[in-house]
Amino acid sequence: MISNNTSNTFRVVVLGAVSSGKTSIIRRLLFDSFSSDTSPTLGAVLSTYMTTINGKIVKMNIWDTAGQEYYKSISKFYYRDANAAIIVFDVGSLVSFQDIDYWLNELEESVSGKLLIIVVGNKIDLFETREVEKTVGMAYSTGVEVEYMETSAKTGEGIAELFQEIAKHFALLNDKKQETQETQKKEHCCS
């Protein structure tokens, strides 16, 4: 049973094109900071984030994966057991948006079970260089049946909402798991 002071840990993987802002999104979430001098991620980096939803702690292990072609083959190790995937693209880069199909196919081939997928258009603060409009991102996501959100790691816009949305999903999973366990206990004890 999940109480107010215990948590299940969920695995979240952050995928996407090189320089789409994956690391910056995580840095904004964890440290409320931004640096324009972020080095490319090599392999993957693990961070832990905890939040409370409806009085229950939700803990996430967040895997920040490299977007470079060289690392794509080893990324499967990090998202194989994921509970959620965030696919990030730069709204100022049509090429990074087109890369979403690759990541969706990778997830479909590698992840068994139900997976929350959110496509995230990042860098919305750079509106003057925008190549992918919000309506395009939303239409695409609706077509492939995943959620869509937009963020700016630079200003922090949408970052808290993104991870709150994921945490709410996990809290709901915890509630359903708890209900199932309680039902099974009642059926077992009374049969």
C-alpha atoms as a PDB file:
ATOM      1  CA  MET A   1       0.000   0.000   0.000  1.00  0.00           C
ATOM      2  CA  ILE A   2       1.257   3.486  -0.844  1.00  0.00           C
ATOM      3  CA  SER A   3       1.109   5.946   2.017  1.00  0.00           C
ATOM      4  CA  ASN A   4       1.903   9.618   2.283  1.00  0.00           C
ATOM      5  CA  ASN A   5       5.537   8.985   3.104  1.00  0.00           C
ATOM      6  CA  THR A   6       6.456   6.228   0.655  1.00  0.00           C
ATOM      7  CA  SER A   7       6.982   6.308  -3.068  1.00  0.00           C
ATOM      8  CA  ASN A   8       7.316   4.162  -6.101  1.00  0.00           C
ATOM      9  CA  THR A   9      10.082   5.151  -8.461  1.00  0.00           C
ATOM     10  CA  PHE A  10       9.182   5.679 -12.095  1.00  0.00           C
ATOM     11  CA  ARG A  11      11.591   5.784 -15.015  1.00  0.00           C
ATOM     12  CA  VAL A  12      11.346   8.765 -17.356  1.00  0.00           C
ATOM     13  CA  VAL A  13      13.515   8.973 -20.456  1.00  0.00           C
ATOM     14  CA  VAL A  14      14.176  12.215 -22.305  1.00  0.00           C
ATOM     15  CA  LEU A  15      14.870  11.704 -26.016  1.00  0.00           C
ATOM     16  CA  GLY A  16      15.242  13.891 -29.054  1.00  0.00           C
ATOM     17  CA  ALA A  17      17.507  15.587 -31.538  1.00  0.00           C
ATOM     18  CA  VAL A  18      20.898  17.067 -30.710  1.00  0.00           C
ATOM     19  CA  SER A  19      20.628  20.590 -29.260  1.00  0.00           C
ATOM     20  CA  SER A  20      16.858  20.428 -28.782  1.00  0.00           C
ATOM     21  CA  GLY A  21      17.258  21.362 -25.112  1.00  0.00           C
ATOM     22  CA  LYS A  22      16.830  18.053 -23.298  1.00  0.00           C
ATOM     23  CA  THR A  23      19.534  18.751 -20.711  1.00  0.00           C
ATOM     24  CA  SER A  24      18.392  22.352 -20.284  1.00  0.00           C
ATOM     25  CA  ILE A  25      14.825  21.224 -19.532  1.00  0.00           C
ATOM     26  CA  ILE A  26      16.083  18.933 -16.775  1.00  0.00           C
ATOM     27  CA  ARG A  27      18.430  21.609 -15.404  1.00  0.00           C
ATOM     28  CA  ARG A  28      15.523  24.083 -15.280  1.00  0.00           C
ATOM     29  CA  LEU A  29      13.366  21.529 -13.444  1.00  0.00           C
ATOM     30  CA  LEU A  30      15.977  20.549 -10.863  1.00  0.00           C
ATOM     31  CA  PHE A  31      17.944  23.763 -10.325  1.00  0.00           C
ATOM     32  CA  ASP A  32      15.704  26.484 -11.792  1.00  0.00           C
ATOM     33  CA  SER A  33      18.653  27.647 -13.869  1.00  0.00           C
ATOM     34  CA  PHE A  34      19.633  27.975 -17.509  1.00  0.00           C
ATOM     35  CA  SER A  35      22.965  28.088 -19.288  1.00  0.00           C
ATOM     36  CA  SER A  36      23.436  28.662 -22.986  1.00  0.00           C
ATOM     37  CA  ASP A  37      26.804  26.858 -22.744  1.00  0.00           C
ATOM     38  CA  THR A  38      25.499  23.332 -22.234  1.00  0.00           C
ATOM     39  CA  SER A  39      27.816  20.604 -23.499  1.00  0.00           C
ATOM     40  CA  PRO A  40      26.292  17.726 -25.459  1.00  0.00           C
ATOM     41  CA  THR A  41      25.291  14.763 -23.300  1.00  0.00           C
ATOM     42  CA  LEU A  42      27.556  11.756 -23.725  1.00  0.00           C
ATOM     43  CA  GLY A  43      25.577   8.521 -23.387  1.00  0.00           C
ATOM     44  CA  ALA A  44      23.043   9.295 -20.678  1.00  0.00           C
ATOM     45  CA  VAL A  45      22.836  11.120 -17.357  1.00  0.00           C
ATOM     46  CA  LEU A  46      20.565  10.111 -14.482  1.00  0.00           C
ATOM     47  CA  SER A  47      18.776  12.661 -12.287  1.00  0.00           C
ATOM     48  CA  THR A  48      16.182  12.105  -9.589  1.00  0.00           C
ATOM     49  CA  TYR A  49      13.136  14.303  -9.062  1.00  0.00           C
ATOM     50  CA  MET A  50      10.461  13.992  -6.378  1.00  0.00           C
ATOM     51  CA  THR A  51       7.153  15.797  -6.084  1.00  0.00           C
ATOM     52  CA  THR A  52       3.913  15.361  -4.171  1.00  0.00           C
ATOM     53  CA  ILE A  53       0.561  14.743  -5.832  1.00  0.00           C
ATOM     54  CA  ASN A  54      -2.565  14.511  -3.662  1.00  0.00           C
ATOM     55  CA  GLY A  55      -0.428  13.982  -0.567  1.00  0.00           C
ATOM     56  CA  LYS A  56       1.572  11.153  -2.139  1.00  0.00           C
ATOM     57  CA  ILE A  57       5.206  11.273  -3.101  1.00  0.00           C
ATOM     58  CA  VAL A  58       6.049  10.525  -6.714  1.00  0.00           C
ATOM     59  CA  LYS A  59       9.705   9.831  -7.443  1.00  0.00           C
ATOM     60  CA  MET A  60      11.139   9.887 -10.960  1.00  0.00           C
ATOM     61  CA  ASN A  61      14.486   8.693 -12.237  1.00  0.00           C
ATOM     62  CA  ILE A  62      14.992  10.897 -15.277  1.00  0.00           C
ATOM     63  CA  TRP A  63      17.394   9.669 -17.954  1.00  0.00           C
ATOM     64  CA  ASP A  64      18.777  12.446 -20.157  1.00  0.00           C
ATOM     65  CA  THR A  65      19.957  10.669 -23.318  1.00  0.00           C
ATOM     66  CA  ALA A  66      22.376  11.842 -25.976  1.00  0.00           C
ATOM     67  CA  GLY A  67      20.878  12.845 -29.303  1.00  0.00           C
ATOM     68  CA  GLN A  68      24.004  12.305 -31.391  1.00  0.00           C
ATOM     69  CA  GLU A  69      23.841   9.569 -34.017  1.00  0.00           C
ATOM     70  CA  TYR A  70      26.784   7.769 -32.395  1.00  0.00           C
ATOM     71  CA  TYR A  71      24.819   7.204 -29.156  1.00  0.00           C
ATOM     72  CA  LYS A  72      21.430   6.266 -30.617  1.00  0.00           C
ATOM     73  CA  SER A  73      22.167   2.531 -30.525  1.00  0.00           C
ATOM     74  CA  ILE A  74      22.964   2.529 -26.795  1.00  0.00           C
ATOM     75  CA  SER A  75      19.965   4.714 -25.906  1.00  0.00           C
ATOM     76  CA  LYS A  76      17.748   1.615 -26.031  1.00  0.00           C
ATOM     77  CA  PHE A  77      19.262   0.476 -22.748  1.00  0.00           C
ATOM     78  CA  TYR A  78      17.944   3.597 -21.020  1.00  0.00           C
ATOM     79  CA  TYR A  79      14.392   3.556 -22.332  1.00  0.00           C
ATOM     80  CA  ARG A  80      13.744  -0.166 -22.391  1.00  0.00           C
ATOM     81  CA  ASP A  81      12.052  -0.158 -18.937  1.00  0.00           C
ATOM     82  CA  ALA A  82      10.690   3.385 -19.092  1.00  0.00           C
ATOM     83  CA  ASN A  83       7.297   4.377 -17.708  1.00  0.00           C
ATOM     84  CA  ALA A  84       7.266   7.679 -19.587  1.00  0.00           C
ATOM     85  CA  ALA A  85       9.126   9.220 -22.497  1.00  0.00           C
ATOM     86  CA  ILE A  86       9.569  12.878 -23.307  1.00  0.00           C
ATOM     87  CA  ILE A  87      10.517  13.438 -26.948  1.00  0.00           C
ATOM     88  CA  VAL A  88      11.960  16.930 -27.284  1.00  0.00           C
ATOM     89  CA  PHE A  89      12.326  18.959 -30.457  1.00  0.00           C
ATOM     90  CA  ASP A  90      13.401  22.540 -31.092  1.00  0.00           C
ATOM     91  CA  VAL A  91      10.484  24.595 -32.454  1.00  0.00           C
ATOM     92  CA  GLY A  92      13.088  26.547 -34.453  1.00  0.00           C
ATOM     93  CA  SER A  93      14.213  23.402 -36.300  1.00  0.00           C
ATOM     94  CA  LEU A  94      11.966  21.528 -38.697  1.00  0.00           C
ATOM     95  CA  VAL A  95      14.651  18.806 -38.908  1.00  0.00           C
ATOM     96  CA  SER A  96      14.441  18.143 -35.142  1.00  0.00           C
ATOM     97  CA  PHE A  97      10.643  17.954 -35.430  1.00  0.00           C
ATOM     98  CA  GLN A  98      10.939  15.372 -38.227  1.00  0.00           C
ATOM     99  CA  ASP A  99      13.227  13.323 -35.939  1.00  0.00           C
ATOM    100  CA  ILE A 100      10.230  12.525 -33.694  1.00  0.00           C
ATOM    101  CA  ASP A 101       9.197   9.633 -35.958  1.00  0.00           C
ATOM    102  CA  TYR A 102      12.549   7.939 -35.347  1.00  0.00           C
ATOM    103  CA  TRP A 103      12.123   8.107 -31.560  1.00  0.00           C
ATOM    104  CA  LEU A 104       8.514   6.921 -31.662  1.00  0.00           C
ATOM    105  CA  ASN A 105       9.566   3.901 -33.742  1.00  0.00           C
ATOM    106  CA  GLU A 106      12.420   3.167 -31.345  1.00  0.00           C
ATOM    107  CA  LEU A 107      10.063   3.248 -28.371  1.00  0.00           C
ATOM    108  CA  GLU A 108       7.506   1.054 -30.115  1.00  0.00           C
ATOM    109  CA  GLU A 109      10.163  -1.556 -30.909  1.00  0.00           C
ATOM    110  CA  SER A 110      11.897  -1.470 -27.530  1.00  0.00           C
ATOM    111  CA  VAL A 111       9.338  -0.813 -24.806  1.00  0.00           C
ATOM    112  CA  SER A 112       6.825  -3.405 -23.735  1.00  0.00           C
ATOM    113  CA  GLY A 113       3.809  -2.341 -21.756  1.00  0.00           C
ATOM    114  CA  LYS A 114       1.986   0.948 -21.484  1.00  0.00           C
ATOM    115  CA  LEU A 115       4.139   4.035 -21.851  1.00  0.00           C
ATOM    116  CA  LEU A 116       3.190   7.690 -21.402  1.00  0.00           C
ATOM    117  CA  ILE A 117       4.689   9.653 -24.288  1.00  0.00           C
ATOM    118  CA  ILE A 118       4.767  13.429 -24.423  1.00  0.00           C
ATOM    119  CA  VAL A 119       6.152  15.311 -27.418  1.00  0.00           C
ATOM    120  CA  VAL A 120       7.636  18.618 -26.275  1.00  0.00           C
ATOM    121  CA  GLY A 121       8.301  21.614 -28.489  1.00  0.00           C
ATOM    122  CA  ASN A 122      11.111  23.461 -26.700  1.00  0.00           C
ATOM    123  CA  LYS A 123      12.671  26.912 -27.167  1.00  0.00           C
ATOM    124  CA  ILE A 124       9.343  28.728 -27.556  1.00  0.00           C
ATOM    125  CA  ASP A 125      11.070  31.875 -26.271  1.00  0.00           C
ATOM    126  CA  LEU A 126      12.798  32.107 -29.685  1.00  0.00           C
ATOM    127  CA  PHE A 127       9.542  32.962 -31.462  1.00  0.00           C
ATOM    128  CA  GLU A 128      11.279  34.942 -34.232  1.00  0.00           C
ATOM    129  CA  THR A 129      13.069  31.794 -35.508  1.00  0.00           C
ATOM    130  CA  ARG A 130      10.147  29.425 -35.054  1.00  0.00           C
ATOM    131  CA  GLU A 131       9.754  26.877 -37.878  1.00  0.00           C
ATOM    132  CA  VAL A 132       7.184  24.549 -36.269  1.00  0.00           C
ATOM    133  CA  GLU A 133       3.967  26.208 -35.142  1.00  0.00           C
ATOM    134  CA  LYS A 134       2.114  24.961 -32.077  1.00  0.00           C
ATOM    135  CA  THR A 135      -0.861  23.881 -34.182  1.00  0.00           C
ATOM    136  CA  VAL A 136       1.446  21.665 -36.284  1.00  0.00           C
ATOM    137  CA  GLY A 137       2.942  20.027 -33.184  1.00  0.00           C
ATOM    138  CA  MET A 138      -0.506  19.475 -31.689  1.00  0.00           C
ATOM    139  CA  ALA A 139      -1.910  18.022 -34.920  1.00  0.00           C
ATOM    140  CA  TYR A 140       1.043  15.668 -35.284  1.00  0.00           C
ATOM    141  CA  SER A 141       0.763  14.476 -31.683  1.00  0.00           C
ATOM    142  CA  THR A 142      -2.973  13.922 -32.001  1.00  0.00           C
ATOM    143  CA  GLY A 143      -2.348  11.889 -35.148  1.00  0.00           C
ATOM    144  CA  VAL A 144       0.122   9.563 -33.402  1.00  0.00           C
ATOM    145  CA  GLU A 145      -1.965   9.526 -30.193  1.00  0.00           C
ATOM    146  CA  VAL A 146       0.531  11.085 -27.794  1.00  0.00           C
ATOM    147  CA  GLU A 147       0.366  14.206 -25.662  1.00  0.00           C
ATOM    148  CA  TYR A 148       1.867  17.535 -26.741  1.00  0.00           C
ATOM    149  CA  MET A 149       3.282  20.380 -24.677  1.00  0.00           C
ATOM    150  CA  GLU A 150       5.555  23.356 -25.275  1.00  0.00           C
ATOM    151  CA  THR A 151       8.337  24.655 -23.063  1.00  0.00           C
ATOM    152  CA  SER A 152      11.138  27.142 -22.781  1.00  0.00           C
ATOM    153  CA  ALA A 153      14.053  25.894 -20.731  1.00  0.00           C
ATOM    154  CA  LYS A 154      15.457  29.427 -20.913  1.00  0.00           C
ATOM    155  CA  THR A 155      12.468  31.155 -19.271  1.00  0.00           C
ATOM    156  CA  GLY A 156      11.069  28.116 -17.446  1.00  0.00           C
ATOM    157  CA  GLU A 157       7.723  28.351 -19.223  1.00  0.00           C
ATOM    158  CA  GLY A 158       5.910  25.011 -19.244  1.00  0.00           C
ATOM    159  CA  ILE A 159       8.639  23.044 -17.423  1.00  0.00           C
ATOM    160  CA  ALA A 160       6.836  22.613 -14.087  1.00  0.00           C
ATOM    161  CA  GLU A 161       3.584  21.831 -15.914  1.00  0.00           C
ATOM    162  CA  LEU A 162       5.304  19.141 -17.998  1.00  0.00           C
ATOM    163  CA  PHE A 163       6.609  17.254 -14.989  1.00  0.00           C
ATOM    164  CA  GLN A 164       3.414  17.809 -12.986  1.00  0.00           C
ATOM    165  CA  GLU A 165       1.495  16.190 -15.847  1.00  0.00           C
ATOM    166  CA  ILE A 166       3.820  13.185 -15.714  1.00  0.00           C
ATOM    167  CA  ALA A 167       3.614  13.014 -11.913  1.00  0.00           C
ATOM    168  CA  LYS A 168      -0.211  13.092 -12.047  1.00  0.00           C
ATOM    169  CA  HIS A 169      -0.127  10.177 -14.473  1.00  0.00           C
ATOM    170  CA  PHE A 170       2.144   8.213 -12.128  1.00  0.00           C
ATOM    171  CA  ALA A 171       0.017   9.075  -9.082  1.00  0.00           C
ATOM    172  CA  LEU A 172      -3.027   7.733 -10.940  1.00  0.00           C
ATOM    173  CA  LEU A 173      -1.113   4.529 -11.710  1.00  0.00           C
ATOM    174  CA  ASN A 174      -0.249   4.228  -8.012  1.00  0.00           C
ATOM    175  CA  ASP A 175      -3.903   4.691  -7.035  1.00  0.00           C
ATOM    176  CA  LYS A 176      -5.038   2.017  -9.499  1.00  0.00           C
ATOM    177  CA  LYS A 177      -2.329  -0.350  -8.265  1.00  0.00           C
ATOM    178  CA  GLN A 178      -3.398   0.230  -4.667  1.00  0.00           C
ATOM    179  CA  GLU A 179      -7.075  -0.382  -5.517  1.00  0.00           C
ATOM    180  CA  THR A 180      -6.179  -3.625  -7.295  1.00  0.00           C
ATOM    181  CA  GLN A 181      -4.107  -4.818  -4.332  1.00  0.00           C
ATOM    182  CA  GLU A 182      -6.897  -4.005  -1.881  1.00  0.00           C
ATOM    183  CA  THR A 183      -9.456  -5.808  -4.046  1.00  0.00           C
ATOM    184  CA  GLN A 184      -7.213  -8.859  -4.284  1.00  0.00           C
ATOM    185  CA  LYS A 185      -6.713  -8.897  -0.496  1.00  0.00           C
ATOM    186  CA  LYS A 186     -10.473  -8.743   0.094  1.00  0.00           C
ATOM    187  CA  GLU A 187     -11.139 -11.514  -2.420  1.00  0.00           C
ATOM    188  CA  HIS A 188      -8.364 -13.679  -1.005  1.00  0.00           C
ATOM    189  CA  CYS A 189      -9.312 -13.289   2.660  1.00  0.00           C
ATOM    190  CA  CYS A 190     -13.003 -13.870   2.127  1.00  0.00           C
ATOM    191  CA  SER A 191     -12.966 -16.817  -0.270  1.00  0.00           C
END
